[in-house]
Amino acid sequence: MRLTGLGVSAGIGIGRALVVTRGTRRLRFRIPERRVDDELARLDAARAHSRVQLEHIKQRITAAAGTEHAYLFDAQLLMLDDPMLVDRAGTIIRDERLNAESALYRALDEVSALFDQVDDPYLRERKGDVEDVVNRLCGNLRTDGDPLDLFRDLEGPLVLVAEELSPSLIAQLDFQRLAAFVTDAGSWTYHTAILARSIHVPAVAGLRHASGIIPPGALVAVDGATGDVLVDPEPEVLADLEARSRKRRAYEQSLSEYNTLPAVTLDGTPIRIDANVELPEEAARARHRGAEGIGLYRSEFLLAGTSAAGLDEEAQYTVYRRLIEVMAGGRVTVRTFDVTEAQMGLVPADHSRSPLGLRGLRLSLSFEEVFHAQLRALLRAALHGPLRIMFPFVTGVEEVRLARAAVTRAADSLRAEGVPVPDVPIGIMIEVPSAALTIDLLAAEADFVSIGTNDLIQYTLAVDRTDDRVSGMYAPLHPAILRVLRQVARGARRAGVPMSVCGEMAADPAILPLLVGLGLREFSMTPAAIPAGKQVVRGLRLADTVRLASRALKAATPAEVERVLAESFSAVKSR
């Protein structure tokens, strides 16, 4: 079977499917033979627990409404002993070595198919009762521990197949065992895609129904460049993929010479290249790749597996200090939590709110205790090396002033305890049109600015980058985006404020010359993209990039801008 989606992290990964649906509430995978007896024991325990629950429910209904209303639960109790359900699931566990949850849902599918063939409407409706029993059984299969513990002993490599993967889930996994990610939802700038590129794991998004049709344990080959996902491919196809994978690794190895070379144009213009990191352990990889510093540390990844309330000041301080020490004098820029209420653990995960609501700096300002703890941790860490604090999702001057006041309060509280506090540069992210349009006003309030192109493109073009139905309209080369970038670059330059680009546009070697031509000189990108970025920079002449930007700004459509870039690339190759 071949599925085609959107390749969001290049590379080829081959492994056994681990299917995750409805968050981590339903995990489907093949178990080692040594775990068959344990899995059967889990199933039996779940059946016993379910029987006790149903008997209790039946007694309550009988007492409240009479025995004539308790028949439904008599039927569900009988279903627990029906050989076509739980016993069938046990057979599937023994024969196919599927985990108990997978086996139960397989048995449910088989029973449901039989109900669908029945003419009697009443009997067809009983399919819902069977599903209710299966959901109860699966609920009772869960342990009090981490649900991810259920597959920690599975043999890798694994291809993680999911409806949607949250960054916090990925952050808890052992990257060494992951061959690739495959998701039904998502786009190039989805946070999961960004993280996949950062940890160098191939990924394909926007497949819509992959988690429902890829069998757990199937051999899956993922091409993160083309967007192809092959299920149980033929041996010759596998051989071809492995050959292509070796070729790609050889190309990446050929760029390793740029790790230690400076990013400077042919005519001597220095370009600063920093790294975007999500996880503390990425700092060492960024330094190895030649990053001058960390231009964006997404601190919200610290919330993986916990809530803001569970992430205290000391834990944050330890991480920020480690980042600084690993970079050994390289500047570290930490973005304060850029999350929604649900992601911060302040409301239930299924609490639906607009992504344009309470998030980023707005959210931090609304929860002073959480913000205060993060700022104190950052100020303490700044004693160990150059650190900058950056606020996300800024929409106006008032927010910046309130945030600066919060920094002052955090510093005063530390000084009151006898802790020295160094001067720490305070920066803002330009991610929404209101910030771009008032860059002159905001630059007067900030020590530096950074353009987050992912959100800036999304909100300028009114395109939800997580919605694969409109992801084709997400156009980094839209003329409006080029004009916004030019305006922000000019505004920051006039104010004498340092400016960088930390969105995904900076990591695209084809777009980098255009950004330089628009007046940008500092970039932050995923560590894996740094060698290629340096290669591009070292082949540029500043005058050529200015002419390129001038031509691109006259183009009327994204396609016309792409043609301008392609023509420029061809001209460079022909020299």
Protein backbone atom coordinates (compact mmCIF):
# COMPACT_ATOMS: atom_id res chain seq x y z
CA MET A 1 0.00 0.00 0.00
CA ARG A 2 1.26 3.46 -0.92
CA LEU A 3 0.03 6.63 0.77
CA THR A 4 1.06 10.12 -0.24
CA GLY A 5 1.09 13.14 2.02
CA LEU A 6 3.20 16.20 2.65
CA GLY A 7 6.88 15.56 3.28
CA VAL A 8 7.77 17.79 6.22
CA SER A 9 11.14 16.39 7.33
CA ALA A 10 13.50 15.00 4.72
CA GLY A 11 15.09 11.60 4.97
CA ILE A 12 14.06 7.96 4.74
CA GLY A 13 12.92 5.96 7.74
CA ILE A 14 11.98 2.28 7.85
CA GLY A 15 10.45 0.55 10.85
CA ARG A 16 7.47 -1.19 12.43
CA ALA A 17 4.27 0.81 12.85
CA LEU A 18 3.33 2.01 16.31
CA VAL A 19 -0.16 3.48 15.93
CA VAL A 20 -1.34 6.17 18.35
CA THR A 21 -4.93 7.41 18.16
CA ARG A 22 -6.88 9.80 20.37
CA GLY A 23 -3.74 11.17 21.99
CA THR A 24 -2.07 8.37 23.93
CA ARG A 25 -5.38 6.85 24.95
CA ARG A 26 -5.25 4.18 22.28
CA LEU A 27 -1.91 2.60 21.44
CA ARG A 28 -1.73 -0.16 18.83
CA PHE A 29 1.42 -2.20 18.32
CA ARG A 30 2.87 -5.71 18.07
CA ILE A 31 4.31 -7.17 21.26
CA PRO A 32 7.34 -9.44 21.70
CA GLU A 33 6.47 -13.10 22.14
CA ARG A 34 7.73 -13.00 25.73
CA ARG A 35 4.95 -10.53 26.58
CA VAL A 36 2.00 -12.60 25.31
CA ASP A 37 1.16 -14.10 28.72
CA ASP A 38 1.40 -10.69 30.41
CA GLU A 39 -0.93 -9.20 27.81
CA LEU A 40 -3.46 -12.00 28.30
CA ALA A 41 -3.30 -11.40 32.04
CA ARG A 42 -4.02 -7.68 31.48
CA LEU A 43 -7.06 -8.64 29.39
CA ASP A 44 -8.40 -11.02 32.05
CA ALA A 45 -7.92 -8.41 34.77
CA ALA A 46 -9.75 -5.82 32.68
CA ARG A 47 -12.65 -8.24 32.15
CA ALA A 48 -12.90 -8.92 35.90
CA HIS A 49 -12.81 -5.20 36.71
CA SER A 50 -15.42 -4.44 34.05
CA ARG A 51 -17.73 -7.13 35.46
CA VAL A 52 -17.57 -5.56 38.93
CA GLN A 53 -18.32 -2.13 37.48
CA LEU A 54 -21.29 -3.33 35.42
CA GLU A 55 -22.77 -5.25 38.37
CA HIS A 56 -22.55 -2.10 40.47
CA ILE A 57 -24.19 -0.01 37.73
CA LYS A 58 -26.96 -2.58 37.35
CA GLN A 59 -27.67 -2.47 41.09
CA ARG A 60 -27.88 1.32 41.10
CA ILE A 61 -30.25 1.38 38.09
CA THR A 62 -32.45 -1.33 39.66
CA ALA A 63 -32.69 0.59 42.90
CA ALA A 64 -33.48 3.87 41.18
CA ALA A 65 -35.72 2.83 38.30
CA GLY A 66 -36.63 -0.84 38.72
CA THR A 67 -35.40 -4.11 37.30
CA GLU A 68 -37.09 -3.54 33.93
CA HIS A 69 -34.55 -0.81 33.16
CA ALA A 70 -31.47 -2.85 34.05
CA TYR A 71 -31.70 -5.25 31.09
CA LEU A 72 -29.11 -3.30 29.11
CA PHE A 73 -26.43 -4.07 31.65
CA ASP A 74 -27.44 -7.72 31.78
CA ALA A 75 -26.68 -7.76 28.05
CA GLN A 76 -23.32 -6.07 28.57
CA LEU A 77 -22.41 -8.57 31.29
CA LEU A 78 -23.17 -11.41 28.88
CA MET A 79 -20.97 -9.73 26.24
CA LEU A 80 -17.99 -10.00 28.60
CA ASP A 81 -18.26 -13.78 28.30
CA ASP A 82 -19.16 -13.91 24.61
CA PRO A 83 -16.45 -15.94 22.81
CA MET A 84 -16.68 -13.55 19.87
CA LEU A 85 -15.44 -10.60 21.93
CA VAL A 86 -12.99 -10.96 24.82
CA ASP A 87 -12.09 -14.55 24.02
CA ARG A 88 -11.59 -13.60 20.37
CA ALA A 89 -9.32 -10.76 21.52
CA GLY A 90 -7.28 -13.29 23.48
CA THR A 91 -6.88 -15.41 20.36
CA ILE A 92 -5.68 -12.37 18.40
CA ILE A 93 -3.12 -11.61 21.11
CA ARG A 94 -1.77 -15.18 20.95
CA ASP A 95 -1.82 -15.56 17.17
CA GLU A 96 -0.91 -12.07 15.96
CA ARG A 97 0.94 -10.74 19.03
CA LEU A 98 -1.07 -7.52 19.12
CA ASN A 99 -1.39 -5.58 22.35
CA ALA A 100 -4.68 -6.08 24.20
CA GLU A 101 -6.19 -2.74 23.13
CA SER A 102 -5.54 -3.51 19.47
CA ALA A 103 -6.95 -7.01 19.83
CA LEU A 104 -10.16 -5.74 21.44
CA TYR A 105 -10.78 -3.18 18.73
CA ARG A 106 -10.08 -5.82 16.08
CA ALA A 107 -12.67 -8.09 17.72
CA LEU A 108 -15.08 -5.14 17.86
CA ASP A 109 -14.66 -4.57 14.12
CA GLU A 110 -15.47 -8.22 13.42
CA VAL A 111 -18.58 -8.20 15.62
CA SER A 112 -19.72 -4.86 14.18
CA ALA A 113 -19.49 -6.27 10.66
CA LEU A 114 -21.88 -9.05 11.69
CA PHE A 115 -24.36 -6.57 13.20
CA ASP A 116 -24.27 -4.52 9.97
CA GLN A 117 -25.56 -7.56 8.06
CA VAL A 118 -28.63 -7.96 10.31
CA ASP A 119 -31.93 -6.66 8.91
CA ASP A 120 -33.52 -6.01 12.29
CA PRO A 121 -32.93 -2.30 13.22
CA TYR A 122 -33.10 -3.12 16.93
CA LEU A 123 -30.30 -5.66 16.66
CA ARG A 124 -28.21 -3.33 14.52
CA GLU A 125 -28.42 -0.73 17.26
CA ARG A 126 -26.91 -3.19 19.74
CA LYS A 127 -23.57 -2.58 18.00
CA GLY A 128 -23.28 0.52 20.17
CA ASP A 129 -23.58 -1.64 23.30
CA VAL A 130 -20.68 -3.78 22.16
CA GLU A 131 -18.59 -0.69 21.52
CA ASP A 132 -19.45 0.57 25.00
CA VAL A 133 -18.19 -2.70 26.51
CA VAL A 134 -14.96 -2.55 24.50
CA ASN A 135 -14.32 1.05 25.54
CA ARG A 136 -14.85 0.04 29.18
CA LEU A 137 -12.45 -2.87 28.82
CA CYS A 138 -9.81 -0.65 27.24
CA GLY A 139 -10.25 1.89 29.98
CA ASN A 140 -9.60 -0.81 32.54
CA LEU A 141 -6.52 -2.00 30.68
CA ARG A 142 -4.77 1.25 31.48
CA THR A 143 -2.37 1.37 34.37
CA ASP A 144 -1.75 4.28 36.70
CA GLY A 145 1.68 4.79 35.17
CA ASP A 146 2.76 6.39 31.93
CA PRO A 147 0.86 4.78 29.02
CA LEU A 148 4.06 5.03 27.00
CA ASP A 149 5.62 2.44 29.32
CA LEU A 150 3.53 -0.16 27.50
CA PHE A 151 5.82 -0.10 24.47
CA ARG A 152 9.19 0.83 25.95
CA ASP A 153 10.50 -2.72 25.49
CA LEU A 154 9.42 -3.04 21.86
CA GLU A 155 12.19 -3.65 19.40
CA GLY A 156 12.99 -0.65 17.20
CA PRO A 157 13.15 1.05 14.90
CA LEU A 158 9.55 2.30 15.14
CA VAL A 159 7.48 4.43 12.80
CA LEU A 160 5.08 6.48 14.90
CA VAL A 161 1.70 6.71 13.13
CA ALA A 162 -0.85 9.07 14.67
CA GLU A 163 -3.89 11.21 14.06
CA GLU A 164 -1.91 14.09 15.49
CA LEU A 165 1.35 14.13 17.44
CA SER A 166 1.82 16.75 20.11
CA PRO A 167 5.37 18.03 20.63
CA SER A 168 5.04 17.14 24.31
CA LEU A 169 4.41 13.48 23.41
CA ILE A 170 7.41 13.36 21.07
CA ALA A 171 9.61 14.98 23.68
CA GLN A 172 9.01 12.00 25.98
CA LEU A 173 10.14 9.40 23.44
CA ASP A 174 13.49 7.78 22.86
CA PHE A 175 14.58 9.38 19.58
CA GLN A 176 17.12 6.64 18.92
CA ARG A 177 14.28 4.15 18.39
CA LEU A 178 12.21 6.34 16.07
CA ALA A 179 12.60 5.78 12.34
CA ALA A 180 9.93 8.28 11.23
CA PHE A 181 6.68 10.09 12.03
CA VAL A 182 3.45 9.77 10.03
CA THR A 183 0.44 11.93 10.91
CA ASP A 184 -3.07 12.38 9.56
CA ALA A 185 -2.99 16.13 10.24
CA GLY A 186 -0.29 18.78 10.06
CA SER A 187 1.72 20.87 7.65
CA TRP A 188 5.29 22.04 6.98
CA THR A 189 5.22 24.58 9.80
CA TYR A 190 3.31 22.46 12.31
CA HIS A 191 5.22 22.22 15.58
CA THR A 192 5.57 18.48 15.21
CA ALA A 193 7.15 18.95 11.76
CA ILE A 194 9.55 21.55 13.13
CA LEU A 195 10.57 19.20 15.93
CA ALA A 196 11.00 16.29 13.49
CA ARG A 197 13.43 18.36 11.42
CA SER A 198 15.20 19.46 14.56
CA ILE A 199 15.85 15.91 15.80
CA HIS A 200 16.49 14.74 12.23
CA VAL A 201 13.62 12.25 12.00
CA PRO A 202 11.88 11.82 8.61
CA ALA A 203 8.22 12.80 8.71
CA VAL A 204 5.14 12.93 6.47
CA ALA A 205 2.00 14.85 7.47
CA GLY A 206 -1.47 15.51 6.10
CA LEU A 207 -2.29 11.88 5.27
CA ARG A 208 -5.86 12.19 6.68
CA HIS A 209 -6.56 8.49 7.39
CA ALA A 210 -3.16 6.82 7.87
CA SER A 211 -3.71 6.01 11.55
CA GLY A 212 -6.87 4.12 10.64
CA ILE A 213 -5.53 2.03 7.77
CA ILE A 214 -1.88 1.28 8.64
CA PRO A 215 -1.90 -1.97 10.66
CA PRO A 216 0.07 -1.91 13.92
CA GLY A 217 3.35 -3.74 13.50
CA ALA A 218 3.37 -3.43 9.70
CA LEU A 219 6.69 -2.61 8.08
CA VAL A 220 6.49 1.02 7.00
CA ALA A 221 8.92 2.99 4.84
CA VAL A 222 8.65 6.78 4.99
CA ASP A 223 10.20 9.20 2.51
CA GLY A 224 10.11 12.61 4.18
CA ALA A 225 11.21 14.37 1.00
CA THR A 226 8.58 13.05 -1.43
CA GLY A 227 5.79 12.48 1.11
CA ASP A 228 5.48 8.79 0.20
CA VAL A 229 4.56 6.24 2.88
CA LEU A 230 4.87 2.58 1.83
CA VAL A 231 3.26 -0.16 3.89
CA ASP A 232 4.86 -3.63 3.66
CA PRO A 233 6.90 -2.68 0.55
CA GLU A 234 8.43 -5.31 -1.72
CA PRO A 235 12.09 -6.24 -1.09
CA GLU A 236 13.32 -4.49 -4.23
CA VAL A 237 11.52 -1.29 -3.22
CA LEU A 238 13.12 -1.47 0.22
CA ALA A 239 16.52 -1.93 -1.37
CA ASP A 240 16.00 1.17 -3.52
CA LEU A 241 14.94 3.23 -0.51
CA GLU A 242 17.94 2.11 1.50
CA ALA A 243 20.23 3.06 -1.40
CA ARG A 244 18.65 6.52 -1.55
CA SER A 245 19.02 6.87 2.19
CA ARG A 246 22.74 6.08 1.95
CA LYS A 247 23.09 8.68 -0.81
CA ARG A 248 21.41 11.33 1.33
CA ARG A 249 23.64 10.53 4.29
CA ALA A 250 26.67 10.88 2.03
CA TYR A 251 25.44 14.32 0.87
CA GLU A 252 24.93 15.44 4.46
CA GLN A 253 28.39 14.20 5.33
CA SER A 254 29.83 16.23 2.45
CA LEU A 255 28.51 19.40 4.12
CA SER A 256 30.31 18.68 7.38
CA GLU A 257 33.27 20.84 6.30
CA TYR A 258 31.03 23.89 6.73
CA ASN A 259 30.54 23.14 10.43
CA THR A 260 33.73 24.98 11.30
CA LEU A 261 33.70 27.63 8.55
CA PRO A 262 32.38 31.15 9.22
CA ALA A 263 29.18 32.33 7.55
CA VAL A 264 30.54 35.20 5.45
CA THR A 265 29.66 36.24 1.90
CA LEU A 266 32.15 36.36 -0.97
CA ASP A 267 32.46 40.11 -0.52
CA GLY A 268 33.12 39.86 3.21
CA THR A 269 29.69 40.51 4.77
CA PRO A 270 29.32 38.47 7.98
CA ILE A 271 26.02 36.64 8.44
CA ARG A 272 25.14 35.32 11.87
CA ILE A 273 23.67 31.81 11.98
CA ASP A 274 22.23 30.54 15.24
CA ALA A 275 20.22 27.42 16.03
CA ASN A 276 16.59 26.82 16.94
CA VAL A 277 16.32 24.11 19.60
CA GLU A 278 13.41 22.48 21.35
CA LEU A 279 15.24 20.14 23.69
CA PRO A 280 18.29 20.87 25.87
CA GLU A 281 20.23 17.95 24.40
CA GLU A 282 20.04 19.61 20.99
CA ALA A 283 22.40 22.37 22.13
CA ALA A 284 25.44 20.14 21.73
CA ARG A 285 24.30 19.18 18.22
CA ALA A 286 23.83 22.84 17.35
CA ARG A 287 27.33 23.70 18.51
CA HIS A 288 28.77 20.79 16.53
CA ARG A 289 26.99 22.01 13.40
CA GLY A 290 28.62 25.42 13.75
CA ALA A 291 25.90 27.54 15.34
CA GLU A 292 27.21 30.77 16.86
CA GLY A 293 24.57 30.54 19.54
CA ILE A 294 20.97 29.56 20.20
CA GLY A 295 18.71 32.05 18.49
CA LEU A 296 15.50 30.42 19.74
CA TYR A 297 15.00 28.00 22.58
CA ARG A 298 11.32 27.04 22.67
CA SER A 299 10.90 26.79 26.43
CA GLU A 300 7.38 25.38 26.16
CA PHE A 301 8.90 21.99 25.38
CA LEU A 302 9.83 21.86 29.05
CA LEU A 303 6.13 21.28 29.66
CA ALA A 304 6.29 17.84 28.03
CA GLY A 305 4.58 15.39 30.34
CA THR A 306 3.79 18.01 32.98
CA SER A 307 1.95 21.29 33.49
CA ALA A 308 3.21 24.78 34.14
CA ALA A 309 2.32 24.33 37.79
CA GLY A 310 4.47 21.20 37.94
CA LEU A 311 7.48 22.90 36.36
CA ASP A 312 9.03 24.88 39.18
CA GLU A 313 11.66 27.59 39.10
CA GLU A 314 14.51 25.30 40.08
CA ALA A 315 13.80 22.80 37.31
CA GLN A 316 13.75 25.58 34.72
CA TYR A 317 16.90 27.19 36.07
CA THR A 318 18.77 23.90 35.73
CA VAL A 319 17.81 23.58 32.05
CA TYR A 320 18.58 27.21 31.13
CA ARG A 321 21.96 27.02 32.88
CA ARG A 322 22.80 23.80 31.06
CA LEU A 323 22.00 25.41 27.69
CA ILE A 324 24.34 28.30 28.46
CA GLU A 325 27.14 26.02 29.63
CA VAL A 326 26.89 23.74 26.59
CA MET A 327 27.10 26.72 24.23
CA ALA A 328 30.31 27.77 26.02
CA GLY A 329 30.02 31.51 25.58
CA GLY A 330 27.64 31.44 22.63
CA ARG A 331 24.60 33.65 23.10
CA VAL A 332 21.41 31.85 24.20
CA THR A 333 17.97 33.34 23.47
CA VAL A 334 15.11 31.79 25.42
CA ARG A 335 11.54 32.41 24.32
CA THR A 336 9.11 32.40 27.22
CA PHE A 337 6.27 29.89 27.07
CA ASP A 338 4.40 30.14 23.77
CA VAL A 339 1.43 27.90 24.48
CA THR A 340 -2.33 27.92 24.85
CA GLU A 341 -4.19 27.42 28.12
CA ALA A 342 -4.68 23.71 27.37
CA GLN A 343 -1.00 23.18 26.53
CA MET A 344 0.00 24.85 29.78
CA GLY A 345 -2.30 22.51 31.68
CA LEU A 346 -4.57 25.31 32.88
CA VAL A 347 -7.73 23.94 31.21
CA PRO A 348 -8.65 20.44 29.95
CA ALA A 349 -7.01 19.40 26.68
CA ASP A 350 -10.39 19.16 24.95
CA HIS A 351 -11.40 22.66 26.07
CA SER A 352 -11.92 24.30 22.70
CA ARG A 353 -10.63 27.87 22.42
CA SER A 354 -9.52 29.99 19.48
CA PRO A 355 -5.77 29.91 18.67
CA LEU A 356 -6.06 33.71 18.45
CA GLY A 357 -7.09 33.91 22.10
CA LEU A 358 -5.07 33.59 25.27
CA ARG A 359 -1.62 32.38 24.22
CA GLY A 360 2.02 33.43 24.26
CA LEU A 361 2.81 36.63 26.16
CA ARG A 362 -0.89 37.28 26.73
CA LEU A 363 -1.17 34.02 28.63
CA SER A 364 2.00 34.64 30.65
CA LEU A 365 0.76 38.08 31.70
CA SER A 366 -2.54 36.52 32.79
CA PHE A 367 -0.86 33.95 35.06
CA GLU A 368 1.63 36.00 37.04
CA GLU A 369 2.84 33.18 39.28
CA VAL A 370 3.88 30.98 36.36
CA PHE A 371 5.47 33.94 34.53
CA HIS A 372 7.29 35.11 37.68
CA ALA A 373 8.85 31.66 38.21
CA GLN A 374 10.08 31.49 34.62
CA LEU A 375 11.56 34.99 34.70
CA ARG A 376 13.35 34.33 37.99
CA ALA A 377 14.82 31.11 36.59
CA LEU A 378 16.03 32.93 33.46
CA LEU A 379 17.59 35.81 35.40
CA ARG A 380 19.41 33.39 37.68
CA ALA A 381 20.72 31.42 34.71
CA ALA A 382 22.01 34.62 33.09
CA LEU A 383 24.76 34.71 35.73
CA HIS A 384 26.41 31.80 33.91
CA GLY A 385 26.73 33.30 30.43
CA PRO A 386 25.13 35.48 27.76
CA LEU A 387 21.36 35.00 27.82
CA ARG A 388 18.51 36.95 26.25
CA ILE A 389 14.80 36.77 27.08
CA MET A 390 12.33 36.92 24.20
CA PHE A 391 8.56 37.35 24.42
CA PRO A 392 6.28 35.60 21.87
CA PHE A 393 3.05 36.71 20.22
CA VAL A 394 3.50 40.40 20.98
CA THR A 395 0.70 42.55 19.55
CA GLY A 396 1.41 46.00 20.96
CA VAL A 397 3.52 48.31 23.10
CA GLU A 398 1.33 47.87 26.21
CA GLU A 399 2.19 44.17 26.40
CA VAL A 400 5.91 44.83 26.13
CA ARG A 401 5.78 47.38 28.92
CA LEU A 402 3.83 45.02 31.16
CA ALA A 403 6.33 42.23 30.42
CA ARG A 404 9.29 44.48 31.20
CA ALA A 405 7.64 45.43 34.49
CA ALA A 406 7.31 41.71 35.28
CA VAL A 407 11.03 41.26 34.60
CA THR A 408 11.78 44.14 36.98
CA ARG A 409 9.66 42.56 39.72
CA ALA A 410 11.41 39.21 39.24
CA ALA A 411 14.82 40.89 39.43
CA ASP A 412 13.84 42.83 42.55
CA SER A 413 12.67 39.65 44.27
CA LEU A 414 16.01 37.97 43.55
CA ARG A 415 18.02 40.94 44.77
CA ALA A 416 15.95 40.95 47.96
CA GLU A 417 17.22 37.39 48.52
CA GLY A 418 20.81 38.45 47.92
CA VAL A 419 21.00 36.99 44.40
CA PRO A 420 22.85 39.24 41.94
CA VAL A 421 21.04 39.92 38.68
CA PRO A 422 22.94 40.87 35.50
CA ASP A 423 21.56 43.07 32.73
CA VAL A 424 19.62 40.79 30.40
CA PRO A 425 18.55 41.96 26.91
CA ILE A 426 14.78 41.81 26.41
CA GLY A 427 13.45 41.05 22.95
CA ILE A 428 10.16 40.50 21.18
CA MET A 429 8.91 38.31 18.36
CA ILE A 430 7.23 39.84 15.33
CA GLU A 431 4.57 37.25 14.47
CA VAL A 432 1.35 39.16 13.82
CA PRO A 433 0.52 42.03 11.44
CA SER A 434 -0.09 44.50 14.27
CA ALA A 435 3.49 44.03 15.46
CA ALA A 436 4.92 44.33 11.95
CA LEU A 437 2.96 47.50 11.25
CA THR A 438 4.13 49.14 14.48
CA ILE A 439 7.75 48.00 14.34
CA ASP A 440 8.96 51.56 14.89
CA LEU A 441 7.02 51.79 18.17
CA LEU A 442 7.91 48.30 19.36
CA ALA A 443 11.60 48.65 18.50
CA ALA A 444 11.77 51.58 20.91
CA GLU A 445 10.68 49.24 23.71
CA ALA A 446 12.92 46.26 22.92
CA ASP A 447 16.64 45.48 22.92
CA PHE A 448 16.24 43.17 19.90
CA VAL A 449 13.52 41.76 17.65
CA SER A 450 13.10 38.41 15.95
CA ILE A 451 10.74 37.60 13.11
CA GLY A 452 8.77 34.39 13.60
CA THR A 453 7.89 33.78 9.96
CA ASN A 454 5.69 30.74 10.62
CA ASP A 455 3.00 32.62 12.51
CA LEU A 456 3.58 35.86 10.61
CA ILE A 457 2.73 34.12 7.33
CA GLN A 458 -0.24 32.34 8.91
CA TYR A 459 -1.85 35.45 10.33
CA THR A 460 -1.00 37.76 7.45
CA LEU A 461 -2.51 35.38 4.89
CA ALA A 462 -5.33 34.14 7.15
CA VAL A 463 -4.25 30.51 6.65
CA ASP A 464 -4.31 28.02 9.52
CA ARG A 465 -1.01 26.22 9.10
CA THR A 466 -2.31 23.17 10.99
CA ASP A 467 -5.23 22.66 8.58
CA ASP A 468 -4.15 20.47 5.68
CA ARG A 469 -7.23 21.58 3.70
CA VAL A 470 -5.74 25.04 3.20
CA SER A 471 -2.05 24.30 3.72
CA GLY A 472 -1.47 24.87 0.00
CA MET A 473 -2.38 28.52 0.54
CA TYR A 474 0.39 28.93 3.11
CA ALA A 475 2.84 30.80 0.88
CA PRO A 476 6.12 32.10 2.37
CA LEU A 477 6.88 33.80 -0.97
CA HIS A 478 3.59 35.68 -1.15
CA PRO A 479 4.28 39.32 -2.18
CA ALA A 480 2.61 40.52 1.02
CA ILE A 481 5.08 38.54 3.12
CA LEU A 482 8.08 39.95 1.27
CA ARG A 483 6.81 43.47 1.84
CA VAL A 484 6.19 42.83 5.52
CA LEU A 485 9.70 41.43 5.93
CA ARG A 486 11.19 44.47 4.20
CA GLN A 487 9.19 46.83 6.40
CA VAL A 488 10.26 45.09 9.62
CA ALA A 489 13.90 45.01 8.49
CA ARG A 490 13.86 48.73 7.71
CA GLY A 491 12.08 49.64 10.94
CA ALA A 492 14.50 47.72 13.14
CA ARG A 493 17.51 49.09 11.25
CA ARG A 494 16.31 52.69 11.63
CA ALA A 495 15.85 52.14 15.36
CA GLY A 496 19.31 50.60 15.64
CA VAL A 497 17.87 47.40 17.10
CA PRO A 498 19.38 43.98 16.21
CA MET A 499 17.01 41.79 14.24
CA SER A 500 16.94 38.12 13.27
CA VAL A 501 14.69 35.63 11.50
CA CYS A 502 13.94 32.46 13.45
CA GLY A 503 11.08 30.98 11.42
CA GLU A 504 11.29 28.17 8.92
CA MET A 505 12.02 30.54 6.02
CA ALA A 506 15.53 30.99 7.42
CA ALA A 507 16.22 27.26 7.08
CA ASP A 508 15.34 27.13 3.36
CA PRO A 509 18.56 27.43 1.29
CA ALA A 510 16.56 28.61 -1.72
CA ILE A 511 15.05 31.53 0.21
CA LEU A 512 18.11 32.55 2.22
CA PRO A 513 19.65 34.75 -0.55
CA LEU A 514 16.36 36.63 -0.84
CA LEU A 515 16.26 37.28 2.89
CA VAL A 516 19.80 38.61 2.82
CA GLY A 517 18.81 40.87 -0.05
CA LEU A 518 15.90 42.22 2.00
CA GLY A 519 18.42 43.45 4.57
CA LEU A 520 18.42 40.61 7.08
CA ARG A 521 21.77 39.56 8.55
CA GLU A 522 20.93 37.24 11.45
CA PHE A 523 19.18 33.88 11.12
CA SER A 524 18.29 31.04 13.43
CA MET A 525 17.45 27.61 12.05
CA THR A 526 17.24 23.94 12.95
CA PRO A 527 20.76 22.57 13.61
CA ALA A 528 20.54 20.16 10.67
CA ALA A 529 20.09 23.10 8.26
CA ILE A 530 23.12 25.09 9.41
CA PRO A 531 25.82 23.52 7.17
CA ALA A 532 23.70 24.02 4.04
CA GLY A 533 22.92 27.56 5.17
CA LYS A 534 26.62 28.33 5.52
CA GLN A 535 27.30 26.83 2.11
CA VAL A 536 24.74 29.19 0.56
CA VAL A 537 26.00 32.26 2.41
CA ARG A 538 29.62 31.64 1.41
CA GLY A 539 28.59 31.65 -2.25
CA LEU A 540 26.70 34.95 -2.14
CA ARG A 541 27.63 38.46 -3.21
CA LEU A 542 25.67 41.13 -1.39
CA ALA A 543 25.00 43.20 -4.51
CA ASP A 544 23.50 40.14 -6.23
CA THR A 545 21.13 39.50 -3.33
CA VAL A 546 19.94 43.11 -3.35
CA ARG A 547 19.14 42.85 -7.07
CA LEU A 548 17.37 39.54 -6.43
CA ALA A 549 15.22 41.09 -3.70
CA SER A 550 14.38 44.07 -5.95
CA ARG A 551 13.14 41.76 -8.70
CA ALA A 552 11.20 39.56 -6.25
CA LEU A 553 9.44 42.57 -4.74
CA LYS A 554 8.07 43.46 -8.17
CA ALA A 555 6.51 40.02 -8.65
CA ALA A 556 2.74 39.79 -8.32
CA THR A 557 2.27 36.18 -7.19
CA PRO A 558 4.15 33.54 -5.17
CA ALA A 559 4.71 31.59 -8.40
CA GLU A 560 6.35 34.63 -10.01
CA VAL A 561 8.62 35.05 -6.99
CA GLU A 562 9.59 31.37 -7.26
CA ARG A 563 10.50 31.90 -10.93
CA VAL A 564 12.70 34.86 -9.98
CA LEU A 565 14.53 32.69 -7.43
CA ALA A 566 14.88 29.83 -9.92
CA GLU A 567 16.32 32.13 -12.58
CA SER A 568 18.77 33.57 -10.08
CA PHE A 569 19.87 30.09 -9.04
CA SER A 570 20.38 29.04 -12.68
CA ALA A 571 22.46 32.16 -13.33
CA VAL A 572 24.69 31.40 -10.35
CA LYS A 573 25.19 27.78 -11.48
CA SER A 574 26.16 28.86 -14.98
CA ARG A 575 29.02 31.09 -13.76
